[in-house]
Amino acid sequence: MSFQAYLDNIQKKTGKSPEDFKKLADGKGFSEKGKLKPGVKAGEIVAWLKADFELGHGHAMAIYALLSGKKE
């Protein structure tokens, strides 16, 4: 599955766009202006997304990659 397909599936499931997740992560204190703050670990993001949005590990990691700037 392509990275974009992960993002599309996440949006279908949650109704939230990648930009929405950047804003939510900012609000949670994980990121600033949509980019992860130093020291924030993947496990923290995955736990948040699993708990609040019932995302699976792979989909949560796609959001982590988005926030960490590894994927756009």
PDB file of N, CA and C in Angstrom:
ATOM      1  N   MET A   1       0.847  -1.172   0.000  1.00  0.00           N
ATOM      2  CA  MET A   1       0.000   0.000   0.000  1.00  0.00           C
ATOM      3  C   MET A   1       0.896   1.240   0.000  1.00  0.00           C
ATOM      4  N   SER A   2       0.549   2.207  -0.828  1.00  0.00           N
ATOM      5  CA  SER A   2       1.348   3.430  -0.891  1.00  0.00           C
ATOM      6  C   SER A   2       1.071   4.304   0.331  1.00  0.00           C
ATOM      7  N   PHE A   3       1.974   5.239   0.578  1.00  0.00           N
ATOM      8  CA  PHE A   3       1.805   6.154   1.696  1.00  0.00           C
ATOM      9  C   PHE A   3       0.507   6.942   1.537  1.00  0.00           C
ATOM     10  N   GLN A   4       0.235   7.411   0.319  1.00  0.00           N
ATOM     11  CA  GLN A   4      -0.991   8.173   0.075  1.00  0.00           C
ATOM     12  C   GLN A   4      -2.225   7.317   0.337  1.00  0.00           C
ATOM     13  N   ALA A   5      -2.159   6.038   0.001  1.00  0.00           N
ATOM     14  CA  ALA A   5      -3.294   5.144   0.265  1.00  0.00           C
ATOM     15  C   ALA A   5      -3.544   5.018   1.767  1.00  0.00           C
ATOM     16  N   TYR A   6      -2.473   4.959   2.563  1.00  0.00           N
ATOM     17  CA  TYR A   6      -2.632   4.946   4.017  1.00  0.00           C
ATOM     18  C   TYR A   6      -3.362   6.205   4.468  1.00  0.00           C
ATOM     19  N   LEU A   7      -2.912   7.368   3.987  1.00  0.00           N
ATOM     20  CA  LEU A   7      -3.543   8.623   4.394  1.00  0.00           C
ATOM     21  C   LEU A   7      -5.004   8.684   3.962  1.00  0.00           C
ATOM     22  N   ASP A   8      -5.278   8.211   2.752  1.00  0.00           N
ATOM     23  CA  ASP A   8      -6.664   8.198   2.264  1.00  0.00           C
ATOM     24  C   ASP A   8      -7.542   7.313   3.129  1.00  0.00           C
ATOM     25  N   ASN A   9      -7.038   6.137   3.497  1.00  0.00           N
ATOM     26  CA  ASN A   9      -7.809   5.213   4.338  1.00  0.00           C
ATOM     27  C   ASN A   9      -8.026   5.787   5.735  1.00  0.00           C
ATOM     28  N   ILE A  10      -7.024   6.460   6.266  1.00  0.00           N
ATOM     29  CA  ILE A  10      -7.155   7.092   7.580  1.00  0.00           C
ATOM     30  C   ILE A  10      -8.242   8.158   7.526  1.00  0.00           C
ATOM     31  N   GLN A  11      -8.252   8.942   6.461  1.00  0.00           N
ATOM     32  CA  GLN A  11      -9.254   9.999   6.344  1.00  0.00           C
ATOM     33  C   GLN A  11     -10.659   9.400   6.211  1.00  0.00           C
ATOM     34  N   LYS A  12     -10.790   8.313   5.465  1.00  0.00           N
ATOM     35  CA  LYS A  12     -12.093   7.641   5.345  1.00  0.00           C
ATOM     36  C   LYS A  12     -12.573   7.136   6.702  1.00  0.00           C
ATOM     37  N   LYS A  13     -11.663   6.564   7.472  1.00  0.00           N
ATOM     38  CA  LYS A  13     -12.023   5.973   8.766  1.00  0.00           C
ATOM     39  C   LYS A  13     -12.337   7.035   9.820  1.00  0.00           C
ATOM     40  N   THR A  14     -11.543   8.106   9.845  1.00  0.00           N
ATOM     41  CA  THR A  14     -11.654   9.077  10.938  1.00  0.00           C
ATOM     42  C   THR A  14     -12.346  10.382  10.559  1.00  0.00           C
ATOM     43  N   GLY A  15     -12.402  10.667   9.262  1.00  0.00           N
ATOM     44  CA  GLY A  15     -12.915  11.955   8.818  1.00  0.00           C
ATOM     45  C   GLY A  15     -11.908  13.076   8.987  1.00  0.00           C
ATOM     46  N   LYS A  16     -10.675  12.727   9.338  1.00  0.00           N
ATOM     47  CA  LYS A  16      -9.616  13.714   9.582  1.00  0.00           C
ATOM     48  C   LYS A  16      -8.575  13.659   8.463  1.00  0.00           C
ATOM     49  N   SER A  17      -8.204  14.847   7.981  1.00  0.00           N
ATOM     50  CA  SER A  17      -7.181  14.954   6.946  1.00  0.00           C
ATOM     51  C   SER A  17      -5.794  14.959   7.591  1.00  0.00           C
ATOM     52  N   PRO A  18      -4.749  14.817   6.781  1.00  0.00           N
ATOM     53  CA  PRO A  18      -3.394  14.941   7.334  1.00  0.00           C
ATOM     54  C   PRO A  18      -3.189  16.273   8.058  1.00  0.00           C
ATOM     55  N   GLU A  19      -3.719  17.352   7.502  1.00  0.00           N
ATOM     56  CA  GLU A  19      -3.598  18.663   8.160  1.00  0.00           C
ATOM     57  C   GLU A  19      -4.309  18.669   9.506  1.00  0.00           C
ATOM     58  N   ASP A  20      -5.455  17.982   9.584  1.00  0.00           N
ATOM     59  CA  ASP A  20      -6.171  17.876  10.862  1.00  0.00           C
ATOM     60  C   ASP A  20      -5.305  17.177  11.905  1.00  0.00           C
ATOM     61  N   PHE A  21      -4.631  16.097  11.505  1.00  0.00           N
ATOM     62  CA  PHE A  21      -3.785  15.373  12.451  1.00  0.00           C
ATOM     63  C   PHE A  21      -2.600  16.216  12.897  1.00  0.00           C
ATOM     64  N   LYS A  22      -2.072  17.047  12.000  1.00  0.00           N
ATOM     65  CA  LYS A  22      -0.986  17.949  12.400  1.00  0.00           C
ATOM     66  C   LYS A  22      -1.468  18.922  13.466  1.00  0.00           C
ATOM     67  N   LYS A  23      -2.658  19.466  13.282  1.00  0.00           N
ATOM     68  CA  LYS A  23      -3.222  20.406  14.262  1.00  0.00           C
ATOM     69  C   LYS A  23      -3.530  19.705  15.578  1.00  0.00           C
ATOM     70  N   LEU A  24      -4.065  18.496  15.507  1.00  0.00           N
ATOM     71  CA  LEU A  24      -4.358  17.733  16.725  1.00  0.00           C
ATOM     72  C   LEU A  24      -3.078  17.410  17.493  1.00  0.00           C
ATOM     73  N   ALA A  25      -2.033  17.032  16.773  1.00  0.00           N
ATOM     74  CA  ALA A  25      -0.747  16.728  17.418  1.00  0.00           C
ATOM     75  C   ALA A  25      -0.164  17.983  18.067  1.00  0.00           C
ATOM     76  N   ASP A  26      -0.326  19.130  17.411  1.00  0.00           N
ATOM     77  CA  ASP A  26       0.106  20.396  18.016  1.00  0.00           C
ATOM     78  C   ASP A  26      -0.647  20.617  19.326  1.00  0.00           C
ATOM     79  N   GLY A  27      -1.959  20.401  19.297  1.00  0.00           N
ATOM     80  CA  GLY A  27      -2.793  20.604  20.478  1.00  0.00           C
ATOM     81  C   GLY A  27      -2.449  19.673  21.621  1.00  0.00           C
ATOM     82  N   LYS A  28      -1.984  18.485  21.285  1.00  0.00           N
ATOM     83  CA  LYS A  28      -1.587  17.502  22.298  1.00  0.00           C
ATOM     84  C   LYS A  28      -0.180  17.771  22.833  1.00  0.00           C
ATOM     85  N   GLY A  29       0.539  18.687  22.180  1.00  0.00           N
ATOM     86  CA  GLY A  29       1.899  18.993  22.607  1.00  0.00           C
ATOM     87  C   GLY A  29       2.963  18.087  22.017  1.00  0.00           C
ATOM     88  N   PHE A  30       2.576  17.241  21.049  1.00  0.00           N
ATOM     89  CA  PHE A  30       3.538  16.353  20.412  1.00  0.00           C
ATOM     90  C   PHE A  30       4.351  17.069  19.344  1.00  0.00           C
ATOM     91  N   SER A  31       3.759  18.112  18.774  1.00  0.00           N
ATOM     92  CA  SER A  31       4.402  18.793  17.656  1.00  0.00           C
ATOM     93  C   SER A  31       4.175  20.295  17.752  1.00  0.00           C
ATOM     94  N   GLU A  32       4.902  20.997  16.892  1.00  0.00           N
ATOM     95  CA  GLU A  32       4.742  22.440  16.775  1.00  0.00           C
ATOM     96  C   GLU A  32       4.715  22.777  15.294  1.00  0.00           C
ATOM     97  N   LYS A  33       3.653  23.443  14.861  1.00  0.00           N
ATOM     98  CA  LYS A  33       3.451  23.774  13.447  1.00  0.00           C
ATOM     99  C   LYS A  33       3.481  22.512  12.586  1.00  0.00           C
ATOM    100  N   GLY A  34       2.942  21.411  13.120  1.00  0.00           N
ATOM    101  CA  GLY A  34       2.833  20.174  12.367  1.00  0.00           C
ATOM    102  C   GLY A  34       4.077  19.324  12.293  1.00  0.00           C
ATOM    103  N   LYS A  35       5.134  19.728  12.979  1.00  0.00           N
ATOM    104  CA  LYS A  35       6.381  18.940  12.992  1.00  0.00           C
ATOM    105  C   LYS A  35       6.660  18.458  14.409  1.00  0.00           C
ATOM    106  N   LEU A  36       7.029  17.192  14.536  1.00  0.00           N
ATOM    107  CA  LEU A  36       7.285  16.606  15.855  1.00  0.00           C
ATOM    108  C   LEU A  36       8.319  17.391  16.631  1.00  0.00           C
ATOM    109  N   LYS A  37       8.074  17.511  17.915  1.00  0.00           N
ATOM    110  CA  LYS A  37       9.055  18.123  18.801  1.00  0.00           C
ATOM    111  C   LYS A  37      10.171  17.110  19.075  1.00  0.00           C
ATOM    112  N   PRO A  38      11.385  17.593  19.312  1.00  0.00           N
ATOM    113  CA  PRO A  38      12.479  16.672  19.643  1.00  0.00           C
ATOM    114  C   PRO A  38      12.120  15.833  20.866  1.00  0.00           C
ATOM    115  N   GLY A  39      12.470  14.570  20.797  1.00  0.00           N
ATOM    116  CA  GLY A  39      12.246  13.673  21.928  1.00  0.00           C
ATOM    117  C   GLY A  39      10.913  12.947  21.918  1.00  0.00           C
ATOM    118  N   VAL A  40       9.997  13.334  21.036  1.00  0.00           N
ATOM    119  CA  VAL A  40       8.709  12.624  20.951  1.00  0.00           C
ATOM    120  C   VAL A  40       8.948  11.320  20.203  1.00  0.00           C
ATOM    121  N   LYS A  41       8.557  10.230  20.830  1.00  0.00           N
ATOM    122  CA  LYS A  41       8.807   8.900  20.289  1.00  0.00           C
ATOM    123  C   LYS A  41       7.604   8.390  19.490  1.00  0.00           C
ATOM    124  N   ALA A  42       7.890   7.506  18.558  1.00  0.00           N
ATOM    125  CA  ALA A  42       6.837   6.907  17.743  1.00  0.00           C
ATOM    126  C   ALA A  42       5.782   6.231  18.617  1.00  0.00           C
ATOM    127  N   GLY A  43       6.218   5.563  19.675  1.00  0.00           N
ATOM    128  CA  GLY A  43       5.278   4.860  20.553  1.00  0.00           C
ATOM    129  C   GLY A  43       4.242   5.779  21.178  1.00  0.00           C
ATOM    130  N   GLU A  44       4.627   7.014  21.471  1.00  0.00           N
ATOM    131  CA  GLU A  44       3.675   7.976  22.043  1.00  0.00           C
ATOM    132  C   GLU A  44       2.595   8.335  21.026  1.00  0.00           C
ATOM    133  N   ILE A  45       3.004   8.547  19.791  1.00  0.00           N
ATOM    134  CA  ILE A  45       2.063   8.891  18.731  1.00  0.00           C
ATOM    135  C   ILE A  45       1.148   7.703  18.436  1.00  0.00           C
ATOM    136  N   VAL A  46       1.729   6.518  18.339  1.00  0.00           N
ATOM    137  CA  VAL A  46       0.951   5.311  18.065  1.00  0.00           C
ATOM    138  C   VAL A  46      -0.080   5.075  19.165  1.00  0.00           C
ATOM    139  N   ALA A  47       0.328   5.195  20.422  1.00  0.00           N
ATOM    140  CA  ALA A  47      -0.608   4.981  21.540  1.00  0.00           C
ATOM    141  C   ALA A  47      -1.758   5.978  21.490  1.00  0.00           C
ATOM    142  N   TRP A  48      -1.460   7.243  21.215  1.00  0.00           N
ATOM    143  CA  TRP A  48      -2.494   8.272  21.112  1.00  0.00           C
ATOM    144  C   TRP A  48      -3.480   7.942  19.994  1.00  0.00           C
ATOM    145  N   LEU A  49      -2.962   7.611  18.809  1.00  0.00           N
ATOM    146  CA  LEU A  49      -3.831   7.361  17.666  1.00  0.00           C
ATOM    147  C   LEU A  49      -4.647   6.078  17.817  1.00  0.00           C
ATOM    148  N   LYS A  50      -4.074   5.071  18.441  1.00  0.00           N
ATOM    149  CA  LYS A  50      -4.823   3.842  18.700  1.00  0.00           C
ATOM    150  C   LYS A  50      -5.953   4.111  19.691  1.00  0.00           C
ATOM    151  N   ALA A  51      -5.656   4.868  20.746  1.00  0.00           N
ATOM    152  CA  ALA A  51      -6.650   5.132  21.792  1.00  0.00           C
ATOM    153  C   ALA A  51      -7.755   6.067  21.305  1.00  0.00           C
ATOM    154  N   ASP A  52      -7.380   7.148  20.649  1.00  0.00           N
ATOM    155  CA  ASP A  52      -8.368   8.166  20.282  1.00  0.00           C
ATOM    156  C   ASP A  52      -9.073   7.906  18.960  1.00  0.00           C
ATOM    157  N   PHE A  53      -8.419   7.190  18.043  1.00  0.00           N
ATOM    158  CA  PHE A  53      -8.988   7.012  16.708  1.00  0.00           C
ATOM    159  C   PHE A  53      -9.093   5.561  16.268  1.00  0.00           C
ATOM    160  N   GLU A  54      -8.690   4.630  17.139  1.00  0.00           N
ATOM    161  CA  GLU A  54      -8.750   3.192  16.847  1.00  0.00           C
ATOM    162  C   GLU A  54      -8.002   2.833  15.563  1.00  0.00           C
ATOM    163  N   LEU A  55      -6.893   3.542  15.318  1.00  0.00           N
ATOM    164  CA  LEU A  55      -6.061   3.213  14.165  1.00  0.00           C
ATOM    165  C   LEU A  55      -5.188   2.013  14.481  1.00  0.00           C
ATOM    166  N   GLY A  56      -4.898   1.229  13.465  1.00  0.00           N
ATOM    167  CA  GLY A  56      -3.968   0.128  13.618  1.00  0.00           C
ATOM    168  C   GLY A  56      -2.538   0.657  13.630  1.00  0.00           C
ATOM    169  N   HIS A  57      -1.611  -0.220  13.907  1.00  0.00           N
ATOM    170  CA  HIS A  57      -0.214   0.178  14.037  1.00  0.00           C
ATOM    171  C   HIS A  57       0.327   0.810  12.745  1.00  0.00           C
ATOM    172  N   GLY A  58       0.083   0.189  11.614  1.00  0.00           N
ATOM    173  CA  GLY A  58       0.600   0.696  10.346  1.00  0.00           C
ATOM    174  C   GLY A  58       0.053   2.068  10.004  1.00  0.00           C
ATOM    175  N   HIS A  59      -1.235   2.260  10.232  1.00  0.00           N
ATOM    176  CA  HIS A  59      -1.843   3.560   9.938  1.00  0.00           C
ATOM    177  C   HIS A  59      -1.325   4.623  10.911  1.00  0.00           C
ATOM    178  N   ALA A  60      -1.166   4.260  12.162  1.00  0.00           N
ATOM    179  CA  ALA A  60      -0.619   5.199  13.139  1.00  0.00           C
ATOM    180  C   ALA A  60       0.819   5.573  12.777  1.00  0.00           C
ATOM    181  N   MET A  61       1.585   4.613  12.301  1.00  0.00           N
ATOM    182  CA  MET A  61       2.965   4.895  11.895  1.00  0.00           C
ATOM    183  C   MET A  61       3.001   5.816  10.669  1.00  0.00           C
ATOM    184  N   ALA A  62       1.985   5.738   9.822  1.00  0.00           N
ATOM    185  CA  ALA A  62       1.920   6.658   8.677  1.00  0.00           C
ATOM    186  C   ALA A  62       1.748   8.092   9.171  1.00  0.00           C
ATOM    187  N   ILE A  63       0.940   8.292  10.189  1.00  0.00           N
ATOM    188  CA  ILE A  63       0.777   9.631  10.759  1.00  0.00           C
ATOM    189  C   ILE A  63       2.079  10.065  11.441  1.00  0.00           C
ATOM    190  N   TYR A  64       2.736   9.141  12.115  1.00  0.00           N
ATOM    191  CA  TYR A  64       4.041   9.466  12.710  1.00  0.00           C
ATOM    192  C   TYR A  64       5.025   9.908  11.616  1.00  0.00           C
ATOM    193  N   ALA A  65       5.072   9.195  10.508  1.00  0.00           N
ATOM    194  CA  ALA A  65       5.962   9.552   9.414  1.00  0.00           C
ATOM    195  C   ALA A  65       5.610  10.944   8.870  1.00  0.00           C
ATOM    196  N   LEU A  66       4.334  11.234   8.778  1.00  0.00           N
ATOM    197  CA  LEU A  66       3.893  12.552   8.327  1.00  0.00           C
ATOM    198  C   LEU A  66       4.381  13.635   9.282  1.00  0.00           C
ATOM    199  N   LEU A  67       4.182  13.421  10.572  1.00  0.00           N
ATOM    200  CA  LEU A  67       4.571  14.423  11.577  1.00  0.00           C
ATOM    201  C   LEU A  67       6.084  14.574  11.680  1.00  0.00           C
ATOM    202  N   SER A  68       6.808  13.492  11.461  1.00  0.00           N
ATOM    203  CA  SER A  68       8.258  13.553  11.589  1.00  0.00           C
ATOM    204  C   SER A  68       8.927  14.113  10.343  1.00  0.00           C
ATOM    205  N   GLY A  69       8.128  14.345   9.301  1.00  0.00           N
ATOM    206  CA  GLY A  69       8.676  14.920   8.070  1.00  0.00           C
ATOM    207  C   GLY A  69       9.307  13.904   7.151  1.00  0.00           C
ATOM    208  N   LYS A  70       9.152  12.620   7.469  1.00  0.00           N
ATOM    209  CA  LYS A  70       9.727  11.577   6.617  1.00  0.00           C
ATOM    210  C   LYS A  70       8.932  11.412   5.331  1.00  0.00           C
ATOM    211  N   LYS A  71       7.662  11.780   5.397  1.00  0.00           N
ATOM    212  CA  LYS A  71       6.768  11.713   4.233  1.00  0.00           C
ATOM    213  C   LYS A  71       5.940  12.977   4.214  1.00  0.00           C
ATOM    214  N   GLU A  72       5.569  13.411   3.042  1.00  0.00           N
ATOM    215  CA  GLU A  72       4.729  14.614   2.916  1.00  0.00           C
ATOM    216  C   GLU A  72       3.398  14.274   2.316  1.00  0.00           C
TER     217      GLU A  72
END
